[in-house]
Every structure is written in structure tokens, then in C-alpha cells.
């Protein structure tokens, strides 16, 4: 009988806390974060040469080396915020 009493003590008191840990705002932030990360990967594409014998320096431009990784990191940070977002009481 004491075992059941211990389980009841560990349950959250508020009905809000007993629900889903990620709120609808958090899910929306996660969807936006995945979109931002996908945009970063799209920015990283290209830069190759049509002729394999010719080397193209277009793959080393600002968009692929600096901007795309920063956009991907911003998406990851937004995903962390979406997961860690605490619901207001």
C-alpha cells in the first residue's frame, strides 16, 4: 500500500504540468527551425563545375562558407529554444 502512496507523491499538482511537455508554441518553433535549417542546406548547394577537368572557385564564396553554416546554427538554436520553452502558468 505504501508503494501506491509514493507514486501519488511524484505526480505533478497542476493539470497543466501533467500534459504534453512541448507546447503548441514550441512545436511551431520546431517547424520554423527545421525550415531555417533546410534553407541553410539549400544555401550550401552548388558551386561545382560542369567540366570535371576545370576547377571552380565558386564553391568557396561567402554564401557557402560563412552564411549557410550560420543559418543552420541559427536553426539549431531555434530548435533548442522550441524544445526548452517553458509554458507560462
PDB file of N, CA and C in Angstrom:
ATOM      1  N   UNK A   1       0.811  -1.177   0.000  1.00  0.00           N
ATOM      2  CA  UNK A   1       0.000   0.000   0.000  1.00  0.00           C
ATOM      3  C   UNK A   1       0.865   1.255   0.000  1.00  0.00           C
ATOM      4  N   UNK A   2       1.984   1.205   0.656  1.00  0.00           N
ATOM      5  CA  UNK A   2       2.876   2.364   0.717  1.00  0.00           C
ATOM      6  C   UNK A   2       3.460   2.667  -0.661  1.00  0.00           C
ATOM      7  N   UNK A   3       3.552   1.648  -1.493  1.00  0.00           N
ATOM      8  CA  UNK A   3       4.101   1.853  -2.829  1.00  0.00           C
ATOM      9  C   UNK A   3       3.203   2.775  -3.657  1.00  0.00           C
ATOM     10  N   UNK A   4       1.899   2.616  -3.570  1.00  0.00           N
ATOM     11  CA  UNK A   4       0.960   3.476  -4.293  1.00  0.00           C
ATOM     12  C   UNK A   4       1.003   4.903  -3.780  1.00  0.00           C
ATOM     13  N   UNK A   5       1.192   5.089  -2.483  1.00  0.00           N
ATOM     14  CA  UNK A   5       1.279   6.433  -1.923  1.00  0.00           C
ATOM     15  C   UNK A   5       2.510   7.167  -2.447  1.00  0.00           C
ATOM     16  N   UNK A   6       3.615   6.441  -2.634  1.00  0.00           N
ATOM     17  CA  UNK A   6       4.835   7.053  -3.172  1.00  0.00           C
ATOM     18  C   UNK A   6       4.618   7.531  -4.598  1.00  0.00           C
ATOM     19  N   UNK A   7       3.880   6.781  -5.392  1.00  0.00           N
ATOM     20  CA  UNK A   7       3.614   7.173  -6.770  1.00  0.00           C
ATOM     21  C   UNK A   7       2.757   8.429  -6.824  1.00  0.00           C
ATOM     22  N   UNK A   8       1.813   8.547  -5.926  1.00  0.00           N
ATOM     23  CA  UNK A   8       0.944   9.719  -5.907  1.00  0.00           C
ATOM     24  C   UNK A   8       1.713  10.975  -5.522  1.00  0.00           C
ATOM     25  N   UNK A   9       2.733  10.844  -4.696  1.00  0.00           N
ATOM     26  CA  UNK A   9       3.528  11.998  -4.285  1.00  0.00           C
ATOM     27  C   UNK A   9       4.350  12.551  -5.443  1.00  0.00           C
ATOM     28  N   UNK A  10       4.741  11.714  -6.378  1.00  0.00           N
ATOM     29  CA  UNK A  10       5.579  12.138  -7.502  1.00  0.00           C
ATOM     30  C   UNK A  10       4.790  12.771  -8.633  1.00  0.00           C
ATOM     31  N   UNK A  11       3.473  12.689  -8.618  1.00  0.00           N
ATOM     32  CA  UNK A  11       2.664  13.250  -9.690  1.00  0.00           C
ATOM     33  C   UNK A  11       2.616  14.768  -9.567  1.00  0.00           C
ATOM     34  N   UNK A  12       2.592  15.494 -10.703  1.00  0.00           N
ATOM     35  CA  UNK A  12       2.507  16.947 -10.638  1.00  0.00           C
ATOM     36  C   UNK A  12       1.167  17.406 -10.084  1.00  0.00           C
ATOM     37  N   UNK A  13       1.189  18.530  -9.390  1.00  0.00           N
ATOM     38  CA  UNK A  13      -0.018  19.042  -8.759  1.00  0.00           C
ATOM     39  C   UNK A  13      -0.928  19.746  -9.758  1.00  0.00           C
ATOM     40  N   UNK A  14      -0.352  20.496 -10.685  1.00  0.00           N
ATOM     41  CA  UNK A  14      -1.164  21.245 -11.654  1.00  0.00           C
ATOM     42  C   UNK A  14      -1.536  20.372 -12.832  1.00  0.00           C
ATOM     43  N   UNK A  15      -2.716  20.570 -13.353  1.00  0.00           N
ATOM     44  CA  UNK A  15      -3.149  19.813 -14.529  1.00  0.00           C
ATOM     45  C   UNK A  15      -2.361  20.236 -15.759  1.00  0.00           C
ATOM     46  N   UNK A  16      -1.878  21.486 -15.782  1.00  0.00           N
ATOM     47  CA  UNK A  16      -1.098  21.965 -16.924  1.00  0.00           C
ATOM     48  C   UNK A  16       0.218  21.215 -17.049  1.00  0.00           C
ATOM     49  N   UNK A  17       0.847  20.943 -15.933  1.00  0.00           N
ATOM     50  CA  UNK A  17       2.135  20.264 -15.957  1.00  0.00           C
ATOM     51  C   UNK A  17       2.011  18.789 -16.296  1.00  0.00           C
ATOM     52  N   UNK A  18       0.833  18.231 -16.159  1.00  0.00           N
ATOM     53  CA  UNK A  18       0.645  16.814 -16.449  1.00  0.00           C
ATOM     54  C   UNK A  18       0.477  16.571 -17.951  1.00  0.00           C
ATOM     55  N   UNK A  19       0.306  17.634 -18.737  1.00  0.00           N
ATOM     56  CA  UNK A  19       0.090  17.494 -20.169  1.00  0.00           C
ATOM     57  C   UNK A  19       1.387  17.279 -20.929  1.00  0.00           C
ATOM     58  N   UNK A  20       1.315  17.595 -22.199  1.00  0.00           N
ATOM     59  CA  UNK A  20       2.450  17.420 -23.089  1.00  0.00           C
ATOM     60  C   UNK A  20       3.562  18.417 -22.745  1.00  0.00           C
ATOM     61  N   UNK A  21       4.812  17.977 -22.640  1.00  0.00           N
ATOM     62  CA  UNK A  21       5.884  18.894 -22.232  1.00  0.00           C
ATOM     63  C   UNK A  21       6.203  19.956 -23.286  1.00  0.00           C
ATOM     64  N   UNK A  22       5.985  19.659 -24.559  1.00  0.00           N
ATOM     65  CA  UNK A  22       6.230  20.644 -25.614  1.00  0.00           C
ATOM     66  C   UNK A  22       4.892  21.254 -26.001  1.00  0.00           C
ATOM     67  N   UNK A  23       4.787  22.568 -25.852  1.00  0.00           N
ATOM     68  CA  UNK A  23       3.524  23.251 -26.128  1.00  0.00           C
ATOM     69  C   UNK A  23       3.354  23.469 -27.631  1.00  0.00           C
ATOM     70  N   UNK A  24       2.198  23.989 -28.008  1.00  0.00           N
ATOM     71  CA  UNK A  24       1.951  24.260 -29.431  1.00  0.00           C
ATOM     72  C   UNK A  24       2.890  25.347 -29.947  1.00  0.00           C
ATOM     73  N   UNK A  25       3.246  26.302 -29.083  1.00  0.00           N
ATOM     74  CA  UNK A  25       4.227  27.324 -29.470  1.00  0.00           C
ATOM     75  C   UNK A  25       5.590  26.682 -29.717  1.00  0.00           C
ATOM     76  N   UNK A  26       5.947  25.711 -28.888  1.00  0.00           N
ATOM     77  CA  UNK A  26       7.214  25.006 -29.065  1.00  0.00           C
ATOM     78  C   UNK A  26       7.246  24.189 -30.346  1.00  0.00           C
ATOM     79  N   UNK A  27       6.134  23.571 -30.671  1.00  0.00           N
ATOM     80  CA  UNK A  27       6.055  22.795 -31.905  1.00  0.00           C
ATOM     81  C   UNK A  27       6.168  23.716 -33.114  1.00  0.00           C
ATOM     82  N   UNK A  28       5.521  24.885 -33.042  1.00  0.00           N
ATOM     83  CA  UNK A  28       5.632  25.862 -34.116  1.00  0.00           C
ATOM     84  C   UNK A  28       7.083  26.331 -34.275  1.00  0.00           C
ATOM     85  N   UNK A  29       7.763  26.569 -33.169  1.00  0.00           N
ATOM     86  CA  UNK A  29       9.175  26.962 -33.232  1.00  0.00           C
ATOM     87  C   UNK A  29      10.035  25.850 -33.831  1.00  0.00           C
ATOM     88  N   UNK A  30       9.706  24.597 -33.525  1.00  0.00           N
ATOM     89  CA  UNK A  30      10.452  23.474 -34.103  1.00  0.00           C
ATOM     90  C   UNK A  30      10.256  23.384 -35.610  1.00  0.00           C
ATOM     91  N   UNK A  31       9.036  23.586 -36.068  1.00  0.00           N
ATOM     92  CA  UNK A  31       8.765  23.550 -37.507  1.00  0.00           C
ATOM     93  C   UNK A  31       9.517  24.678 -38.208  1.00  0.00           C
ATOM     94  N   UNK A  32       9.496  25.873 -37.616  1.00  0.00           N
ATOM     95  CA  UNK A  32      10.231  27.001 -38.195  1.00  0.00           C
ATOM     96  C   UNK A  32      11.732  26.716 -38.183  1.00  0.00           C
ATOM     97  N   UNK A  33      12.225  26.104 -37.109  1.00  0.00           N
ATOM     98  CA  UNK A  33      13.651  25.777 -37.007  1.00  0.00           C
ATOM     99  C   UNK A  33      14.077  24.798 -38.100  1.00  0.00           C
ATOM    100  N   UNK A  34      13.248  23.790 -38.357  1.00  0.00           N
ATOM    101  CA  UNK A  34      13.591  22.837 -39.416  1.00  0.00           C
ATOM    102  C   UNK A  34      13.566  23.512 -40.782  1.00  0.00           C
ATOM    103  N   UNK A  35      12.661  24.458 -40.968  1.00  0.00           N
ATOM    104  CA  UNK A  35      12.642  25.228 -42.213  1.00  0.00           C
ATOM    105  C   UNK A  35      13.888  26.084 -42.370  1.00  0.00           C
ATOM    106  N   UNK A  36      14.335  26.714 -41.287  1.00  0.00           N
ATOM    107  CA  UNK A  36      15.552  27.533 -41.329  1.00  0.00           C
ATOM    108  C   UNK A  36      16.762  26.654 -41.623  1.00  0.00           C
ATOM    109  N   UNK A  37      16.824  25.483 -41.010  1.00  0.00           N
ATOM    110  CA  UNK A  37      17.948  24.575 -41.285  1.00  0.00           C
ATOM    111  C   UNK A  37      17.927  24.099 -42.733  1.00  0.00           C
ATOM    112  N   UNK A  38      16.755  23.798 -43.261  1.00  0.00           N
ATOM    113  CA  UNK A  38      16.651  23.388 -44.666  1.00  0.00           C
ATOM    114  C   UNK A  38      17.109  24.517 -45.583  1.00  0.00           C
ATOM    115  N   UNK A  39      16.754  25.764 -45.243  1.00  0.00           N
ATOM    116  CA  UNK A  39      17.217  26.909 -46.019  1.00  0.00           C
ATOM    117  C   UNK A  39      18.738  27.000 -45.995  1.00  0.00           C
ATOM    118  N   UNK A  40      19.342  26.727 -44.854  1.00  0.00           N
ATOM    119  CA  UNK A  40      20.802  26.733 -44.758  1.00  0.00           C
ATOM    120  C   UNK A  40      21.439  25.687 -45.654  1.00  0.00           C
ATOM    121  N   UNK A  41      20.847  24.514 -45.718  1.00  0.00           N
ATOM    122  CA  UNK A  41      21.390  23.479 -46.594  1.00  0.00           C
ATOM    123  C   UNK A  41      21.195  23.836 -48.070  1.00  0.00           C
ATOM    124  N   UNK A  42      20.097  24.498 -48.387  1.00  0.00           N
ATOM    125  CA  UNK A  42      19.886  24.939 -49.773  1.00  0.00           C
ATOM    126  C   UNK A  42      20.917  25.998 -50.144  1.00  0.00           C
ATOM    127  N   UNK A  43      21.221  26.895 -49.206  1.00  0.00           N
ATOM    128  CA  UNK A  43      22.242  27.914 -49.467  1.00  0.00           C
ATOM    129  C   UNK A  43      23.622  27.295 -49.688  1.00  0.00           C
ATOM    130  N   UNK A  44      23.848  26.126 -49.126  1.00  0.00           N
ATOM    131  CA  UNK A  44      25.150  25.482 -49.234  1.00  0.00           C
ATOM    132  C   UNK A  44      25.352  24.746 -50.561  1.00  0.00           C
ATOM    133  N   UNK A  45      24.293  24.514 -51.312  1.00  0.00           N
ATOM    134  CA  UNK A  45      24.408  23.738 -52.539  1.00  0.00           C
ATOM    135  C   UNK A  45      25.037  24.545 -53.660  1.00  0.00           C
ATOM    136  N   UNK A  46      25.473  23.845 -54.679  1.00  0.00           N
ATOM    137  CA  UNK A  46      26.004  24.476 -55.887  1.00  0.00           C
ATOM    138  C   UNK A  46      27.491  24.726 -55.804  1.00  0.00           C
ATOM    139  N   UNK A  47      27.964  25.503 -56.774  1.00  0.00           N
ATOM    140  CA  UNK A  47      29.370  25.874 -56.791  1.00  0.00           C
ATOM    141  C   UNK A  47      30.265  24.927 -57.549  1.00  0.00           C
ATOM    142  N   UNK A  48      29.697  23.870 -58.076  1.00  0.00           N
ATOM    143  CA  UNK A  48      30.504  22.919 -58.824  1.00  0.00           C
ATOM    144  C   UNK A  48      30.706  23.355 -60.265  1.00  0.00           C
ATOM    145  N   UNK A  49      31.583  22.676 -60.934  1.00  0.00           N
ATOM    146  CA  UNK A  49      31.861  22.974 -62.329  1.00  0.00           C
ATOM    147  C   UNK A  49      31.208  21.922 -63.209  1.00  0.00           C
ATOM    148  N   UNK A  50      30.770  22.333 -64.389  1.00  0.00           N
ATOM    149  CA  UNK A  50      30.184  21.378 -65.324  1.00  0.00           C
ATOM    150  C   UNK A  50      31.242  20.459 -65.916  1.00  0.00           C
ATOM    151  N   UNK A  51      32.424  20.974 -66.078  1.00  0.00           N
ATOM    152  CA  UNK A  51      33.529  20.203 -66.632  1.00  0.00           C
ATOM    153  C   UNK A  51      34.397  19.705 -65.480  1.00  0.00           C
ATOM    154  N   UNK A  52      34.570  18.384 -65.327  1.00  0.00           N
ATOM    155  CA  UNK A  52      35.365  17.873 -64.201  1.00  0.00           C
ATOM    156  C   UNK A  52      36.857  18.215 -64.302  1.00  0.00           C
ATOM    157  N   UNK A  53      37.326  18.639 -65.482  1.00  0.00           N
ATOM    158  CA  UNK A  53      38.742  18.977 -65.636  1.00  0.00           C
ATOM    159  C   UNK A  53      39.035  20.423 -65.213  1.00  0.00           C
ATOM    160  N   UNK A  54      37.977  21.205 -65.005  1.00  0.00           N
ATOM    161  CA  UNK A  54      38.148  22.610 -64.652  1.00  0.00           C
ATOM    162  C   UNK A  54      37.748  22.799 -63.202  1.00  0.00           C
ATOM    163  N   UNK A  55      38.672  23.387 -62.429  1.00  0.00           N
ATOM    164  CA  UNK A  55      38.398  23.648 -61.017  1.00  0.00           C
ATOM    165  C   UNK A  55      37.646  24.968 -60.883  1.00  0.00           C
ATOM    166  N   UNK A  56      36.604  24.984 -60.066  1.00  0.00           N
ATOM    167  CA  UNK A  56      35.799  26.183 -59.884  1.00  0.00           C
ATOM    168  C   UNK A  56      35.966  26.699 -58.458  1.00  0.00           C
ATOM    169  N   UNK A  57      36.343  27.962 -58.334  1.00  0.00           N
ATOM    170  CA  UNK A  57      36.472  28.582 -57.014  1.00  0.00           C
ATOM    171  C   UNK A  57      35.131  29.093 -56.490  1.00  0.00           C
ATOM    172  N   UNK A  58      34.064  28.881 -57.232  1.00  0.00           N
ATOM    173  CA  UNK A  58      32.744  29.340 -56.810  1.00  0.00           C
ATOM    174  C   UNK A  58      32.264  28.621 -55.551  1.00  0.00           C
ATOM    175  N   UNK A  59      32.828  27.452 -55.257  1.00  0.00           N
ATOM    176  CA  UNK A  59      32.410  26.743 -54.053  1.00  0.00           C
ATOM    177  C   UNK A  59      32.961  27.379 -52.783  1.00  0.00           C
ATOM    178  N   UNK A  60      33.886  28.310 -52.903  1.00  0.00           N
ATOM    179  CA  UNK A  60      34.495  28.935 -51.739  1.00  0.00           C
ATOM    180  C   UNK A  60      33.996  30.357 -51.514  1.00  0.00           C
ATOM    181  N   UNK A  61      32.785  30.671 -51.936  1.00  0.00           N
ATOM    182  CA  UNK A  61      32.297  32.031 -51.745  1.00  0.00           C
ATOM    183  C   UNK A  61      31.659  32.186 -50.364  1.00  0.00           C
ATOM    184  N   UNK A  62      31.314  33.414 -50.020  1.00  0.00           N
ATOM    185  CA  UNK A  62      30.795  33.771 -48.702  1.00  0.00           C
ATOM    186  C   UNK A  62      29.514  33.004 -48.357  1.00  0.00           C
ATOM    187  N   UNK A  63      28.651  32.820 -49.333  1.00  0.00           N
ATOM    188  CA  UNK A  63      27.365  32.175 -49.082  1.00  0.00           C
ATOM    189  C   UNK A  63      27.537  30.741 -48.601  1.00  0.00           C
ATOM    190  N   UNK A  64      28.439  29.997 -49.194  1.00  0.00           N
ATOM    191  CA  UNK A  64      28.601  28.580 -48.847  1.00  0.00           C
ATOM    192  C   UNK A  64      29.495  28.360 -47.631  1.00  0.00           C
ATOM    193  N   UNK A  65      30.472  29.230 -47.428  1.00  0.00           N
ATOM    194  CA  UNK A  65      31.440  29.017 -46.358  1.00  0.00           C
ATOM    195  C   UNK A  65      31.001  29.670 -45.041  1.00  0.00           C
ATOM    196  N   UNK A  66      30.338  30.814 -45.102  1.00  0.00           N
ATOM    197  CA  UNK A  66      30.005  31.558 -43.883  1.00  0.00           C
ATOM    198  C   UNK A  66      28.491  31.600 -43.629  1.00  0.00           C
ATOM    199  N   UNK A  67      27.747  32.053 -44.614  1.00  0.00           N
ATOM    200  CA  UNK A  67      26.327  32.308 -44.409  1.00  0.00           C
ATOM    201  C   UNK A  67      25.527  31.030 -44.142  1.00  0.00           C
ATOM    202  N   UNK A  68      25.717  30.011 -44.952  1.00  0.00           N
ATOM    203  CA  UNK A  68      24.939  28.774 -44.797  1.00  0.00           C
ATOM    204  C   UNK A  68      25.168  28.101 -43.438  1.00  0.00           C
ATOM    205  N   UNK A  69      26.411  27.958 -42.975  1.00  0.00           N
ATOM    206  CA  UNK A  69      26.575  27.367 -41.631  1.00  0.00           C
ATOM    207  C   UNK A  69      25.965  28.218 -40.519  1.00  0.00           C
ATOM    208  N   UNK A  70      26.019  29.542 -40.654  1.00  0.00           N
ATOM    209  CA  UNK A  70      25.400  30.398 -39.641  1.00  0.00           C
ATOM    210  C   UNK A  70      23.881  30.242 -39.632  1.00  0.00           C
ATOM    211  N   UNK A  71      23.285  30.103 -40.805  1.00  0.00           N
ATOM    212  CA  UNK A  71      21.838  29.896 -40.886  1.00  0.00           C
ATOM    213  C   UNK A  71      21.467  28.550 -40.267  1.00  0.00           C
ATOM    214  N   UNK A  72      22.255  27.527 -40.509  1.00  0.00           N
ATOM    215  CA  UNK A  72      21.995  26.207 -39.925  1.00  0.00           C
ATOM    216  C   UNK A  72      22.121  26.263 -38.409  1.00  0.00           C
ATOM    217  N   UNK A  73      23.146  26.941 -37.898  1.00  0.00           N
ATOM    218  CA  UNK A  73      23.310  27.075 -36.450  1.00  0.00           C
ATOM    219  C   UNK A  73      22.159  27.876 -35.828  1.00  0.00           C
ATOM    220  N   UNK A  74      21.670  28.885 -36.539  1.00  0.00           N
ATOM    221  CA  UNK A  74      20.510  29.631 -36.045  1.00  0.00           C
ATOM    222  C   UNK A  74      19.289  28.722 -35.969  1.00  0.00           C
ATOM    223  N   UNK A  75      19.133  27.825 -36.934  1.00  0.00           N
ATOM    224  CA  UNK A  75      18.035  26.865 -36.895  1.00  0.00           C
ATOM    225  C   UNK A  75      18.155  25.899 -35.730  1.00  0.00           C
ATOM    226  N   UNK A  76      19.363  25.468 -35.447  1.00  0.00           N
ATOM    227  CA  UNK A  76      19.581  24.567 -34.306  1.00  0.00           C
ATOM    228  C   UNK A  76      19.268  25.295 -32.997  1.00  0.00           C
ATOM    229  N   UNK A  77      19.705  26.546 -32.888  1.00  0.00           N
ATOM    230  CA  UNK A  77      19.419  27.327 -31.682  1.00  0.00           C
ATOM    231  C   UNK A  77      17.916  27.534 -31.509  1.00  0.00           C
ATOM    232  N   UNK A  78      17.226  27.782 -32.607  1.00  0.00           N
ATOM    233  CA  UNK A  78      15.772  27.951 -32.552  1.00  0.00           C
ATOM    234  C   UNK A  78      15.087  26.646 -32.142  1.00  0.00           C
ATOM    235  N   UNK A  79      15.616  25.520 -32.579  1.00  0.00           N
ATOM    236  CA  UNK A  79      15.059  24.224 -32.177  1.00  0.00           C
ATOM    237  C   UNK A  79      15.256  23.996 -30.680  1.00  0.00           C
ATOM    238  N   UNK A  80      16.405  24.373 -30.159  1.00  0.00           N
ATOM    239  CA  UNK A  80      16.656  24.234 -28.724  1.00  0.00           C
ATOM    240  C   UNK A  80      15.687  25.114 -27.936  1.00  0.00           C
ATOM    241  N   UNK A  81      15.461  26.332 -28.419  1.00  0.00           N
ATOM    242  CA  UNK A  81      14.503  27.224 -27.753  1.00  0.00           C
ATOM    243  C   UNK A  81      13.103  26.618 -27.803  1.00  0.00           C
ATOM    244  N   UNK A  82      12.744  26.026 -28.932  1.00  0.00           N
ATOM    245  CA  UNK A  82      11.428  25.400 -29.057  1.00  0.00           C
ATOM    246  C   UNK A  82      11.243  24.229 -28.118  1.00  0.00           C
ATOM    247  N   UNK A  83      12.291  23.469 -27.898  1.00  0.00           N
ATOM    248  CA  UNK A  83      12.206  22.315 -27.003  1.00  0.00           C
ATOM    249  C   UNK A  83      12.219  22.752 -25.539  1.00  0.00           C
ATOM    250  N   UNK A  84      13.071  23.719 -25.214  1.00  0.00           N
ATOM    251  CA  UNK A  84      13.237  24.133 -23.833  1.00  0.00           C
ATOM    252  C   UNK A  84      12.232  25.190 -23.395  1.00  0.00           C
ATOM    253  N   UNK A  85      11.386  25.652 -24.298  1.00  0.00           N
ATOM    254  CA  UNK A  85      10.413  26.694 -23.976  1.00  0.00           C
ATOM    255  C   UNK A  85       9.474  26.219 -22.880  1.00  0.00           C
ATOM    256  N   UNK A  86       9.398  26.989 -21.807  1.00  0.00           N
ATOM    257  CA  UNK A  86       8.582  26.617 -20.651  1.00  0.00           C
ATOM    258  C   UNK A  86       7.193  27.226 -20.788  1.00  0.00           C
ATOM    259  N   UNK A  87       6.148  26.444 -20.626  1.00  0.00           N
ATOM    260  CA  UNK A  87       4.805  27.016 -20.733  1.00  0.00           C
ATOM    261  C   UNK A  87       4.533  27.968 -19.566  1.00  0.00           C
ATOM    262  N   UNK A  88       3.850  29.067 -19.873  1.00  0.00           N
ATOM    263  CA  UNK A  88       3.505  30.035 -18.829  1.00  0.00           C
ATOM    264  C   UNK A  88       2.297  29.544 -18.063  1.00  0.00           C
ATOM    265  N   UNK A  89       2.281  29.804 -16.775  1.00  0.00           N
ATOM    266  CA  UNK A  89       1.163  29.357 -15.932  1.00  0.00           C
ATOM    267  C   UNK A  89       0.079  30.373 -15.908  1.00  0.00           C
TER     268      UNK A  89
END
